[in-house]
N, C-alpha and C. Protein backbone atom coordinates (compact mmCIF):
# COMPACT_ATOMS: atom_id res chain seq x y z
N UNK A 1 0.81 -1.25 0.00
CA UNK A 1 0.02 -0.11 -0.08
C UNK A 1 0.91 1.28 0.03
N UNK A 2 1.92 1.31 0.92
CA UNK A 2 2.79 2.57 1.08
C UNK A 2 3.61 2.66 -0.39
N UNK A 3 4.06 1.48 -0.88
CA UNK A 3 4.80 1.63 -2.27
C UNK A 3 3.88 2.19 -3.33
N UNK A 4 2.57 1.76 -3.27
CA UNK A 4 1.63 2.31 -4.33
C UNK A 4 1.44 3.68 -4.28
N UNK A 5 1.35 4.20 -2.97
CA UNK A 5 1.03 5.58 -2.71
C UNK A 5 2.24 6.35 -3.06
N UNK A 6 3.55 5.91 -2.81
CA UNK A 6 4.60 6.78 -3.12
C UNK A 6 5.04 6.75 -4.59
N UNK A 7 4.67 5.46 -5.25
CA UNK A 7 4.68 5.29 -6.78
C UNK A 7 3.85 6.51 -7.41
N UNK A 8 2.62 6.59 -6.86
CA UNK A 8 1.62 7.64 -7.30
C UNK A 8 2.32 9.03 -7.21
N UNK A 9 3.06 9.22 -6.20
CA UNK A 9 3.64 10.76 -5.98
C UNK A 9 4.82 10.77 -7.10
N UNK A 10 5.41 9.82 -7.36
CA UNK A 10 6.46 9.81 -8.39
C UNK A 10 5.91 10.07 -9.74
N UNK A 11 4.82 9.46 -10.01
CA UNK A 11 4.01 9.59 -11.26
C UNK A 11 3.55 11.09 -11.36
N UNK A 12 2.98 11.51 -10.29
CA UNK A 12 2.57 12.90 -10.28
C UNK A 12 3.60 13.95 -10.46
N UNK A 13 4.76 13.56 -9.93
CA UNK A 13 5.94 14.54 -10.08
C UNK A 13 6.39 14.60 -11.60
N UNK A 14 6.42 13.31 -12.16
CA UNK A 14 6.95 13.25 -13.43
C UNK A 14 6.05 13.93 -14.44
N UNK A 15 4.77 13.91 -14.28
CA UNK A 15 3.75 14.40 -15.15
C UNK A 15 3.77 15.97 -14.88
N UNK A 16 3.82 16.40 -13.75
CA UNK A 16 3.86 17.95 -13.43
C UNK A 16 5.12 18.57 -14.02
N UNK A 17 6.26 17.91 -13.97
CA UNK A 17 7.53 18.56 -14.36
C UNK A 17 8.11 18.06 -15.67
N UNK A 18 7.44 17.04 -16.28
CA UNK A 18 8.01 16.59 -17.55
C UNK A 18 9.35 16.00 -17.36
N UNK A 19 9.64 15.20 -16.17
CA UNK A 19 10.76 14.79 -15.74
C UNK A 19 10.90 13.27 -15.51
N UNK A 20 11.90 12.56 -16.05
CA UNK A 20 12.18 11.07 -15.70
C UNK A 20 12.81 10.87 -14.32
N UNK A 21 11.81 10.33 -13.48
CA UNK A 21 12.33 10.21 -12.05
C UNK A 21 12.60 8.57 -11.80
N UNK A 22 13.08 7.98 -12.88
CA UNK A 22 13.42 6.54 -12.73
C UNK A 22 14.35 6.22 -11.63
N UNK A 23 15.26 7.01 -11.31
CA UNK A 23 16.10 6.91 -10.02
C UNK A 23 15.46 6.97 -8.87
N UNK A 24 14.37 7.71 -8.73
CA UNK A 24 13.58 7.58 -7.54
C UNK A 24 12.70 6.37 -7.43
N UNK A 25 12.33 5.79 -8.66
CA UNK A 25 11.66 4.56 -8.55
C UNK A 25 12.60 3.36 -8.01
N UNK A 26 13.88 3.56 -8.53
CA UNK A 26 14.82 2.50 -8.03
C UNK A 26 15.06 2.60 -6.49
N UNK A 27 15.13 3.81 -6.05
CA UNK A 27 15.28 4.14 -4.51
C UNK A 27 14.03 3.49 -3.77
N UNK A 28 12.86 3.81 -4.37
CA UNK A 28 11.70 3.29 -3.73
C UNK A 28 11.67 1.79 -3.66
N UNK A 29 12.05 1.08 -4.80
CA UNK A 29 12.04 -0.34 -4.95
C UNK A 29 13.07 -0.95 -3.96
N UNK A 30 14.14 -0.27 -3.75
CA UNK A 30 15.27 -0.90 -2.83
C UNK A 30 14.87 -0.57 -1.41
N UNK A 31 14.33 0.53 -1.15
CA UNK A 31 14.13 1.02 0.28
C UNK A 31 13.12 2.04 0.41
N UNK A 32 11.80 1.70 0.67
CA UNK A 32 10.80 2.60 0.92
C UNK A 32 11.08 3.67 2.07
N UNK A 33 11.84 3.18 3.04
CA UNK A 33 12.10 4.09 4.14
C UNK A 33 13.24 5.15 3.67
N UNK A 34 14.23 4.72 2.79
CA UNK A 34 15.05 5.55 2.35
C UNK A 34 14.35 6.54 1.49
N UNK A 35 13.46 6.19 0.73
CA UNK A 35 12.71 6.98 -0.23
C UNK A 35 12.03 8.11 0.57
N UNK A 36 11.23 7.64 1.68
CA UNK A 36 10.84 8.65 2.36
C UNK A 36 11.58 9.68 3.07
N UNK A 37 12.70 9.14 3.53
CA UNK A 37 13.63 10.06 4.26
C UNK A 37 14.17 11.07 3.08
N UNK A 38 14.56 10.60 1.87
CA UNK A 38 15.02 11.42 0.77
C UNK A 38 14.12 12.35 0.45
N UNK A 39 12.77 12.09 0.48
CA UNK A 39 11.73 12.86 0.09
C UNK A 39 11.66 14.25 0.93
N UNK A 40 12.18 14.16 2.12
CA UNK A 40 12.18 15.35 2.92
C UNK A 40 13.11 16.38 2.68
N UNK A 41 14.19 15.94 1.80
CA UNK A 41 15.22 16.83 1.44
C UNK A 41 14.71 18.13 1.06
N UNK A 42 13.89 18.30 -0.06
CA UNK A 42 13.41 19.39 -0.65
C UNK A 42 12.64 20.39 0.39
N UNK A 43 12.14 19.67 1.39
CA UNK A 43 11.37 20.32 2.32
C UNK A 43 12.23 21.14 3.42
N UNK A 44 13.52 20.86 3.37
CA UNK A 44 14.48 21.53 4.34
C UNK A 44 14.50 22.91 4.22
N UNK A 45 14.31 23.48 2.85
CA UNK A 45 14.54 24.84 2.60
C UNK A 45 13.35 25.60 2.83
N UNK A 46 13.44 26.66 3.93
CA UNK A 46 12.46 27.52 4.18
C UNK A 46 12.37 28.70 2.98
N UNK A 47 11.35 28.22 2.13
CA UNK A 47 11.15 29.19 0.98
C UNK A 47 10.79 30.60 1.29
N UNK A 48 10.40 31.02 2.52
CA UNK A 48 10.06 32.34 3.00
C UNK A 48 11.17 32.97 3.60
N UNK A 49 12.35 32.39 3.86
CA UNK A 49 13.41 32.94 4.61
C UNK A 49 14.32 33.90 3.84
N UNK A 50 14.32 33.85 2.56
CA UNK A 50 15.00 34.51 1.74
C UNK A 50 14.28 34.74 0.26
N UNK A 51 14.56 35.78 -0.54
CA UNK A 51 13.83 36.07 -1.79
C UNK A 51 14.06 34.70 -2.63
N UNK A 52 12.87 34.55 -3.44
CA UNK A 52 12.94 33.52 -4.38
C UNK A 52 14.03 33.48 -5.39
N UNK A 53 14.41 34.71 -5.63
CA UNK A 53 15.73 34.77 -6.77
C UNK A 53 16.95 34.27 -6.04
N UNK A 54 17.11 34.63 -4.86
CA UNK A 54 18.39 34.27 -4.04
C UNK A 54 18.49 32.79 -3.89
N UNK A 55 17.30 32.24 -3.58
CA UNK A 55 17.18 30.78 -3.43
C UNK A 55 17.39 30.00 -4.76
N UNK A 56 16.80 30.50 -5.79
CA UNK A 56 16.98 29.92 -7.11
C UNK A 56 18.54 30.00 -7.49
N UNK A 57 19.12 31.29 -7.30
CA UNK A 57 20.54 31.34 -7.64
C UNK A 57 21.48 30.26 -7.00
N UNK A 58 21.22 30.14 -5.79
CA UNK A 58 22.14 29.19 -4.97
C UNK A 58 21.63 27.82 -5.43
N UNK A 59 20.31 27.35 -5.54
CA UNK A 59 20.09 26.15 -5.93
C UNK A 59 20.54 25.77 -7.26
N UNK A 60 20.40 26.71 -8.27
CA UNK A 60 20.93 26.39 -9.60
C UNK A 60 22.33 26.26 -9.65
N UNK A 61 23.00 27.07 -8.91
CA UNK A 61 24.58 26.83 -8.75
C UNK A 61 24.93 25.43 -8.23
N UNK A 62 24.16 25.10 -7.12
CA UNK A 62 24.40 23.73 -6.72
C UNK A 62 23.96 22.74 -7.83
N UNK A 63 23.05 22.77 -8.45
CA UNK A 63 22.62 21.86 -9.46
C UNK A 63 23.61 21.88 -10.56
N UNK A 64 24.12 22.96 -10.98
CA UNK A 64 25.04 23.12 -12.12
C UNK A 64 26.32 22.47 -11.89
N UNK A 65 26.84 22.48 -10.66
CA UNK A 65 27.99 21.74 -10.10
C UNK A 65 27.92 20.32 -10.21
N UNK A 66 26.71 19.64 -10.25
CA UNK A 66 26.56 18.34 -10.31
C UNK A 66 26.03 17.75 -11.74
N UNK A 67 25.33 18.61 -12.43
CA UNK A 67 24.35 18.21 -13.45
C UNK A 67 24.46 19.20 -14.68
N UNK A 68 24.08 18.73 -15.76
CA UNK A 68 24.07 19.72 -17.00
C UNK A 68 22.91 19.23 -17.91
N UNK A 69 21.67 18.75 -17.27
CA UNK A 69 20.69 18.26 -17.94
C UNK A 69 19.35 18.23 -17.31
N UNK A 70 18.60 17.21 -17.19
CA UNK A 70 17.28 17.22 -16.64
C UNK A 70 17.24 17.71 -15.08
N UNK A 71 18.11 17.50 -14.44
CA UNK A 71 18.05 18.17 -13.00
C UNK A 71 18.17 19.71 -12.98
N UNK A 72 19.06 20.20 -14.12
CA UNK A 72 19.12 21.60 -14.15
C UNK A 72 17.77 22.09 -14.69
N UNK A 73 17.15 21.36 -15.59
CA UNK A 73 15.93 21.89 -16.18
C UNK A 73 14.86 21.96 -15.11
N UNK A 74 14.70 20.97 -14.30
CA UNK A 74 13.59 20.85 -13.22
C UNK A 74 13.94 21.99 -12.21
N UNK A 75 15.08 22.18 -11.92
CA UNK A 75 15.56 23.33 -10.86
C UNK A 75 14.92 24.63 -11.51
N UNK A 76 15.24 24.96 -12.96
CA UNK A 76 14.68 26.12 -13.48
C UNK A 76 13.26 26.23 -13.54
N UNK A 77 12.66 25.03 -13.82
CA UNK A 77 11.21 25.06 -13.82
C UNK A 77 10.59 25.23 -12.46
N UNK A 78 11.06 24.74 -11.60
CA UNK A 78 10.55 24.92 -10.21
C UNK A 78 10.81 26.39 -9.71
N UNK A 79 11.89 27.03 -10.08
CA UNK A 79 12.14 28.35 -9.75
C UNK A 79 11.22 29.36 -10.44
N UNK A 80 11.00 28.95 -11.79
CA UNK A 80 9.93 29.66 -12.47
C UNK A 80 8.59 29.72 -11.84
N UNK A 81 8.12 28.52 -11.36
CA UNK A 81 6.80 28.32 -10.94
C UNK A 81 6.71 29.01 -9.50
N UNK A 82 7.95 29.17 -8.85
CA UNK A 82 8.09 29.90 -7.63
C UNK A 82 7.99 31.46 -7.82
N UNK A 83 7.97 31.81 -8.97
CA UNK A 83 7.86 33.24 -9.32
C UNK A 83 9.12 33.99 -9.74
N UNK A 84 10.26 33.32 -9.97
CA UNK A 84 11.38 33.93 -10.46
C UNK A 84 11.25 34.25 -11.98
N UNK A 85 11.56 35.37 -12.31
CA UNK A 85 11.29 35.90 -13.72
C UNK A 85 12.28 35.08 -14.71
N UNK A 86 11.81 34.85 -15.90
CA UNK A 86 12.64 34.24 -16.86
C UNK A 86 14.06 34.88 -17.07
N UNK A 87 13.93 36.32 -17.24
CA UNK A 87 15.30 36.89 -17.37
C UNK A 87 16.31 36.57 -16.42
N UNK A 88 15.89 36.55 -15.17
CA UNK A 88 16.60 36.32 -13.99
C UNK A 88 17.21 34.81 -14.16
N UNK A 89 16.41 33.87 -14.44
CA UNK A 89 16.83 32.59 -14.66
C UNK A 89 17.80 32.47 -15.83
N UNK A 90 17.57 33.09 -16.81
CA UNK A 90 18.51 32.94 -18.05
C UNK A 90 19.97 33.50 -17.62
N UNK A 91 19.91 34.68 -16.64
CA UNK A 91 21.07 35.26 -16.29
C UNK A 91 21.87 34.34 -15.30
N UNK A 92 21.09 33.67 -14.36
CA UNK A 92 21.74 32.83 -13.48
C UNK A 92 22.36 31.58 -14.33
N UNK A 93 21.65 31.12 -15.24
CA UNK A 93 22.14 29.96 -16.07
C UNK A 93 23.58 30.42 -16.68
N UNK A 94 23.53 31.51 -17.21
CA UNK A 94 24.62 32.11 -18.04
C UNK A 94 25.82 32.58 -16.98
N UNK A 95 25.58 32.68 -15.79
CA UNK A 95 26.55 33.34 -14.83
C UNK A 95 26.74 34.67 -14.95
N UNK A 96 25.68 35.54 -15.57
CA UNK A 96 25.49 36.88 -15.69
C UNK A 96 25.11 37.69 -14.71
N UNK A 97 26.07 38.03 -13.70
CA UNK A 97 25.53 38.56 -12.50
C UNK A 97 24.83 39.93 -12.67
N UNK A 98 25.19 40.77 -13.55
CA UNK A 98 24.55 41.94 -13.90
C UNK A 98 23.16 41.58 -14.22
N UNK A 99 22.89 40.73 -15.06
CA UNK A 99 21.52 40.30 -15.52
C UNK A 99 20.59 39.71 -14.33
N UNK A 100 21.29 39.12 -13.44
CA UNK A 100 20.59 38.38 -12.30
C UNK A 100 19.87 39.41 -11.34
N UNK A 101 20.40 40.53 -11.25
CA UNK A 101 20.06 41.49 -10.28
C UNK A 101 20.80 41.21 -8.92
N UNK A 102 20.72 42.31 -8.16
CA UNK A 102 21.43 42.38 -7.02
C UNK A 102 21.22 41.09 -6.11
N UNK A 103 19.88 40.73 -5.89
CA UNK A 103 19.57 39.78 -4.91
C UNK A 103 20.01 38.37 -5.47
N UNK A 104 19.84 38.04 -6.62
CA UNK A 104 20.27 36.62 -7.10
C UNK A 104 21.84 36.60 -7.08
N UNK A 105 22.35 37.77 -7.60
CA UNK A 105 23.88 37.87 -7.67
C UNK A 105 24.67 37.61 -6.42
N UNK A 106 23.86 38.10 -5.34
CA UNK A 106 24.75 37.99 -3.99
C UNK A 106 24.58 36.45 -3.63
N UNK A 107 23.51 35.88 -3.85
CA UNK A 107 23.50 34.45 -3.46
C UNK A 107 24.22 33.55 -4.44
N UNK A 108 24.37 33.98 -5.68
CA UNK A 108 25.22 33.21 -6.84
C UNK A 108 26.67 33.30 -6.37
N UNK A 109 27.07 34.59 -6.00
CA UNK A 109 28.55 34.73 -5.59
C UNK A 109 28.92 33.86 -4.30
N UNK A 110 27.87 33.99 -3.56
CA UNK A 110 28.15 33.18 -2.15
C UNK A 110 28.16 31.57 -2.43
N UNK A 111 27.20 31.27 -3.27
CA UNK A 111 27.22 29.89 -3.71
C UNK A 111 28.57 29.41 -4.31
N UNK A 112 28.97 30.30 -5.31
CA UNK A 112 30.27 29.94 -6.02
C UNK A 112 31.38 29.90 -5.06
N UNK A 113 31.49 30.83 -4.22
CA UNK A 113 32.59 30.88 -3.10
C UNK A 113 32.57 29.73 -2.20
N UNK A 114 31.34 29.35 -1.81
CA UNK A 114 31.13 28.12 -0.97
C UNK A 114 31.63 26.83 -1.65
N UNK A 115 31.08 26.71 -2.89
CA UNK A 115 31.41 25.48 -3.68
C UNK A 115 33.02 25.42 -3.83
N UNK A 116 33.61 26.56 -4.15
CA UNK A 116 35.24 26.56 -4.14
C UNK A 116 35.91 26.66 -2.98
N UNK A 117 35.13 26.51 -1.80
CA UNK A 117 35.77 26.56 -0.47
C UNK A 117 36.60 27.71 -0.37
N UNK A 118 36.22 28.91 -0.93
CA UNK A 118 37.07 30.13 -0.92
C UNK A 118 36.39 31.07 0.33
N UNK A 119 36.81 30.82 1.55
CA UNK A 119 36.30 31.52 2.63
C UNK A 119 36.65 32.98 2.56
N UNK A 120 37.66 33.39 1.94
CA UNK A 120 37.90 34.77 1.89
C UNK A 120 36.92 35.47 1.09
N UNK A 121 36.37 34.82 -0.08
CA UNK A 121 35.35 35.57 -0.88
C UNK A 121 34.13 35.30 0.02
N UNK A 122 33.81 34.03 0.53
CA UNK A 122 32.53 33.78 1.15
C UNK A 122 32.25 34.55 2.42
N UNK A 123 33.12 34.87 3.14
CA UNK A 123 32.94 35.49 4.47
C UNK A 123 32.14 36.82 4.26
N UNK A 124 32.71 37.77 3.54
CA UNK A 124 31.83 38.98 3.39
C UNK A 124 30.55 38.89 2.76
N UNK A 125 30.39 37.90 1.85
CA UNK A 125 28.99 37.66 1.21
C UNK A 125 28.14 37.10 2.27
N UNK A 126 28.55 36.22 3.12
CA UNK A 126 27.65 35.55 4.24
C UNK A 126 27.42 36.73 4.99
N UNK A 127 28.28 37.61 5.37
CA UNK A 127 27.80 38.81 6.22
C UNK A 127 26.81 39.57 5.66
N UNK A 128 26.85 39.77 4.46
CA UNK A 128 25.75 40.60 3.60
C UNK A 128 24.54 39.79 3.66
N UNK A 129 24.47 38.54 3.49
CA UNK A 129 23.27 37.80 3.51
C UNK A 129 22.66 37.80 4.99
N UNK A 130 23.45 37.86 5.89
CA UNK A 130 22.97 37.80 7.34
C UNK A 130 22.38 39.09 7.48
N UNK A 131 22.97 40.24 7.05
CA UNK A 131 22.50 41.57 7.29
C UNK A 131 21.14 41.76 6.63
N UNK A 132 20.99 41.25 5.46
CA UNK A 132 19.75 41.36 4.57
C UNK A 132 18.57 40.50 5.15
N UNK A 133 19.05 39.07 5.41
CA UNK A 133 17.78 38.06 5.64
C UNK A 133 18.10 37.32 6.87
N UNK A 134 18.97 37.75 7.70
CA UNK A 134 19.29 37.07 8.90
C UNK A 134 19.69 35.59 8.88
N UNK A 135 19.74 34.94 10.01
CA UNK A 135 20.24 33.53 10.14
C UNK A 135 19.32 32.59 9.32
N UNK A 136 18.12 32.79 9.29
CA UNK A 136 17.09 32.10 8.64
C UNK A 136 17.46 32.05 7.13
N UNK A 137 17.69 33.23 6.73
CA UNK A 137 18.08 33.51 5.34
C UNK A 137 19.22 32.72 4.88
N UNK A 138 20.23 32.84 5.66
CA UNK A 138 21.49 32.26 5.38
C UNK A 138 21.42 30.74 5.43
N UNK A 139 20.65 30.10 6.39
CA UNK A 139 20.31 28.80 6.55
C UNK A 139 19.58 28.26 5.14
N UNK A 140 18.53 29.03 4.91
CA UNK A 140 17.84 28.71 3.57
C UNK A 140 18.66 28.75 2.22
N UNK A 141 19.62 29.64 2.15
CA UNK A 141 20.43 29.75 1.08
C UNK A 141 21.33 28.54 1.11
N UNK A 142 22.00 28.28 2.17
CA UNK A 142 22.87 27.10 2.29
C UNK A 142 22.23 25.92 2.11
N UNK A 143 20.91 25.71 2.58
CA UNK A 143 20.27 24.44 2.22
C UNK A 143 19.92 24.33 0.79
N UNK A 144 19.51 25.56 0.14
CA UNK A 144 19.15 25.58 -1.31
C UNK A 144 20.38 24.80 -2.04
N UNK A 145 21.59 25.54 -1.75
CA UNK A 145 22.81 25.04 -2.36
C UNK A 145 23.05 23.61 -2.14
N UNK A 146 22.87 23.07 -0.95
CA UNK A 146 23.19 21.77 -0.55
C UNK A 146 22.21 20.71 -1.08
N UNK A 147 20.97 21.01 -0.91
CA UNK A 147 19.94 20.02 -1.28
C UNK A 147 19.77 19.92 -2.81
N UNK A 148 20.12 20.95 -3.71
CA UNK A 148 20.18 20.94 -5.11
C UNK A 148 21.14 19.97 -5.55
N UNK A 149 22.29 19.76 -4.90
CA UNK A 149 23.17 18.83 -5.30
C UNK A 149 23.05 17.50 -5.04
N UNK A 150 22.07 17.23 -4.10
CA UNK A 150 21.78 15.77 -3.59
C UNK A 150 21.10 15.13 -4.73
N UNK A 151 20.12 15.67 -5.54
CA UNK A 151 19.29 15.00 -6.38
C UNK A 151 20.13 14.50 -7.58
N UNK A 152 20.84 15.23 -8.31
CA UNK A 152 21.64 14.77 -9.34
C UNK A 152 22.79 13.85 -8.88
N UNK A 153 23.32 14.04 -7.68
CA UNK A 153 24.37 13.03 -7.19
C UNK A 153 23.82 11.73 -7.09
N UNK A 154 22.64 11.71 -6.44
CA UNK A 154 21.99 10.27 -6.30
C UNK A 154 21.59 9.70 -7.62
N UNK A 155 21.02 10.63 -8.54
CA UNK A 155 20.74 10.14 -10.06
C UNK A 155 21.93 9.42 -10.59
N UNK A 156 23.12 10.18 -10.60
CA UNK A 156 24.10 9.56 -11.23
C UNK A 156 24.71 8.40 -10.33
N UNK A 157 24.66 8.24 -9.25
CA UNK A 157 25.16 7.17 -8.40
C UNK A 157 24.18 5.93 -8.67
N UNK A 158 22.94 6.07 -8.90
CA UNK A 158 22.21 5.06 -9.22
C UNK A 158 22.19 4.62 -10.83
N UNK A 159 23.06 5.39 -11.45
CA UNK A 159 23.21 4.81 -12.80
C UNK A 159 22.18 5.61 -13.94
N UNK A 160 21.49 6.75 -13.57
CA UNK A 160 20.63 7.47 -14.34
C UNK A 160 20.97 8.50 -15.04
N UNK A 161 22.25 9.01 -14.63
CA UNK A 161 22.81 10.33 -15.28
C UNK A 161 23.48 9.93 -16.57
N UNK A 162 23.19 10.54 -17.55
CA UNK A 162 23.60 10.18 -18.95
C UNK A 162 24.38 11.18 -19.71
N UNK A 163 23.69 12.20 -19.90
CA UNK A 163 24.42 13.26 -20.76
C UNK A 163 23.82 14.66 -20.62
N UNK A 164 24.50 15.60 -21.02
CA UNK A 164 23.97 17.04 -20.93
C UNK A 164 22.86 17.17 -21.87
N UNK A 165 21.96 18.22 -21.59
CA UNK A 165 20.90 18.39 -22.44
C UNK A 165 20.62 19.91 -22.44
N UNK A 166 19.89 20.28 -23.48
CA UNK A 166 19.49 21.76 -23.61
C UNK A 166 18.53 22.00 -22.48
N UNK A 167 18.63 23.22 -21.96
CA UNK A 167 17.81 23.79 -20.84
C UNK A 167 17.02 24.91 -21.43
N UNK A 168 15.88 24.93 -21.15
CA UNK A 168 14.98 25.93 -21.61
C UNK A 168 14.39 26.87 -20.51
N UNK A 169 14.11 28.11 -20.75
CA UNK A 169 13.46 29.15 -19.86
C UNK A 169 12.38 29.75 -20.70
N UNK A 170 11.14 29.59 -20.17
CA UNK A 170 9.89 30.06 -20.76
C UNK A 170 9.96 29.64 -22.27
N UNK A 171 10.32 28.38 -22.62
CA UNK A 171 10.26 27.86 -23.80
C UNK A 171 11.37 28.07 -24.72
N UNK A 172 12.34 28.96 -24.39
CA UNK A 172 13.48 29.23 -25.25
C UNK A 172 14.71 28.68 -24.62
N UNK A 173 15.63 28.22 -25.49
CA UNK A 173 16.96 27.59 -25.02
C UNK A 173 17.71 28.62 -24.28
N UNK A 174 18.30 28.23 -23.19
CA UNK A 174 19.12 29.13 -22.43
C UNK A 174 20.39 28.54 -22.23
N UNK A 175 21.45 29.15 -22.83
CA UNK A 175 22.76 28.69 -22.57
C UNK A 175 23.34 28.68 -21.21
N UNK A 176 24.11 27.70 -20.88
CA UNK A 176 24.67 27.68 -19.56
C UNK A 176 25.96 27.10 -19.60
N UNK A 177 26.76 27.29 -18.42
CA UNK A 177 28.04 26.63 -18.39
C UNK A 177 27.98 25.84 -17.07
N UNK A 178 28.38 24.57 -17.27
CA UNK A 178 28.48 23.63 -16.06
C UNK A 178 29.54 24.19 -15.17
N UNK A 179 29.24 24.12 -13.96
CA UNK A 179 30.19 24.66 -12.84
C UNK A 179 31.04 23.61 -12.33
N UNK A 180 32.16 23.90 -11.74
CA UNK A 180 32.99 22.85 -11.15
C UNK A 180 32.55 22.63 -9.88
N UNK A 181 32.46 21.29 -9.48
CA UNK A 181 32.01 20.99 -8.19
C UNK A 181 33.11 21.24 -7.20
């Protein structure tokens, strides 16, 4: 019964986002308990603690460090559904800080510095995030970066990652550069 309910959730997610969640089916088949626990990952981010554009920038930076295909696309689609404007999403994908706007660019630079373990660059950015959105905002941005990396990492680990693909924003191809993990 539980497996059938969870399979239904995967089916709905695939229909909603046009996404192949075969790796989640494998996870469910192997361990429903692990699937349930993994399902809580995306709920860790408090979406009200920081602006949507900042969370999108951090999350997409994390996804791009691990993926260059369907996981990036679903990250973009979810950010768009959360209200992030297409122009901002295109700029995030391209790494165009001026086009992202100040809010997304701050989170993008912080994510980049964190991924590079560059504390000299990350520290002042962290201070600015704390000043603007407080501890909750910092935690939300940090979790957006972290959780975004978990999905493609698991997908590849289970043998479902294959190749890079075109990413679109509002129906138009959006060039991007894969980031170094």
